[in-house]
Amino acid sequence: MKKVLTVTFDSCKPLHTAPSSAPFCGEIVCADIGIRDEWHPAGLAQL
């Protein structure tokens, strides 16, 4: 069985947890690229 890995930059996105797409994401790794928390749209950092 192949392990699925999704690398996202800065923050997790809604599609990573949506029922229709989450099964295709597998393990999610969020890479920090130095974007400050205060630069995020409201609520995005909590996903």
C-alpha atoms as a PDB file:
ATOM      1  CA  MET A   1       0.000   0.000   0.000  1.00  0.00           C
ATOM      2  CA  LYS A   2       1.291   3.411  -0.974  1.00  0.00           C
ATOM      3  CA  LYS A   3       1.458   6.119   1.716  1.00  0.00           C
ATOM      4  CA  VAL A   4      -0.081   9.435   0.684  1.00  0.00           C
ATOM      5  CA  LEU A   5       1.544  12.637   1.882  1.00  0.00           C
ATOM      6  CA  THR A   6       0.367  16.175   1.229  1.00  0.00           C
ATOM      7  CA  VAL A   7       2.689  19.085   1.925  1.00  0.00           C
ATOM      8  CA  THR A   8       0.967  22.425   2.326  1.00  0.00           C
ATOM      9  CA  PHE A   9       2.705  25.734   2.770  1.00  0.00           C
ATOM     10  CA  ASP A  10       1.982  27.979   5.747  1.00  0.00           C
ATOM     11  CA  SER A  11      -1.417  26.579   6.805  1.00  0.00           C
ATOM     12  CA  CYS A  12      -3.910  23.802   6.245  1.00  0.00           C
ATOM     13  CA  LYS A  13      -6.590  24.643   3.715  1.00  0.00           C
ATOM     14  CA  PRO A  14     -10.322  23.805   3.792  1.00  0.00           C
ATOM     15  CA  LEU A  15      -9.913  21.129   1.134  1.00  0.00           C
ATOM     16  CA  HIS A  16      -7.633  19.158   3.473  1.00  0.00           C
ATOM     17  CA  THR A  17     -10.609  18.443   5.771  1.00  0.00           C
ATOM     18  CA  ALA A  18     -13.520  18.463   3.290  1.00  0.00           C
ATOM     19  CA  PRO A  19     -15.218  15.046   3.200  1.00  0.00           C
ATOM     20  CA  SER A  20     -14.874  14.805  -0.582  1.00  0.00           C
ATOM     21  CA  SER A  21     -11.134  15.542  -0.727  1.00  0.00           C
ATOM     22  CA  ALA A  22      -9.652  14.570   2.661  1.00  0.00           C
ATOM     23  CA  PRO A  23      -9.269  10.865   1.732  1.00  0.00           C
ATOM     24  CA  PHE A  24      -6.928  11.884  -1.107  1.00  0.00           C
ATOM     25  CA  CYS A  25      -4.696  14.024   1.128  1.00  0.00           C
ATOM     26  CA  GLY A  26      -3.433  11.319   3.464  1.00  0.00           C
ATOM     27  CA  GLU A  27      -0.973  12.619   6.029  1.00  0.00           C
ATOM     28  CA  ILE A  28      -0.742  16.410   5.948  1.00  0.00           C
ATOM     29  CA  VAL A  29       2.511  18.217   6.672  1.00  0.00           C
ATOM     30  CA  CYS A  30       2.340  21.975   7.078  1.00  0.00           C
ATOM     31  CA  ALA A  31       5.611  23.666   6.097  1.00  0.00           C
ATOM     32  CA  ASP A  32       6.358  26.948   7.842  1.00  0.00           C
ATOM     33  CA  ILE A  33       7.407  29.522   5.258  1.00  0.00           C
ATOM     34  CA  GLY A  34       7.548  32.479   7.633  1.00  0.00           C
ATOM     35  CA  ILE A  35       4.127  34.055   7.180  1.00  0.00           C
ATOM     36  CA  ARG A  36       3.107  35.709  10.441  1.00  0.00           C
ATOM     37  CA  ASP A  37      -0.171  34.720  12.121  1.00  0.00           C
ATOM     38  CA  GLU A  38      -1.529  38.267  11.920  1.00  0.00           C
ATOM     39  CA  TRP A  39      -1.273  38.114   8.105  1.00  0.00           C
ATOM     40  CA  HIS A  40      -3.760  35.228   7.871  1.00  0.00           C
ATOM     41  CA  PRO A  41      -7.408  35.785   7.010  1.00  0.00           C
ATOM     42  CA  ALA A  42      -9.610  35.504  10.109  1.00  0.00           C
ATOM     43  CA  GLY A  43     -10.231  31.887  11.073  1.00  0.00           C
ATOM     44  CA  LEU A  44      -7.853  30.246   8.600  1.00  0.00           C
ATOM     45  CA  ALA A  45      -5.188  29.429  11.195  1.00  0.00           C
ATOM     46  CA  GLN A  46      -7.677  27.360  13.220  1.00  0.00           C
ATOM     47  CA  LEU A  47      -8.276  24.763  10.476  1.00  0.00           C
END
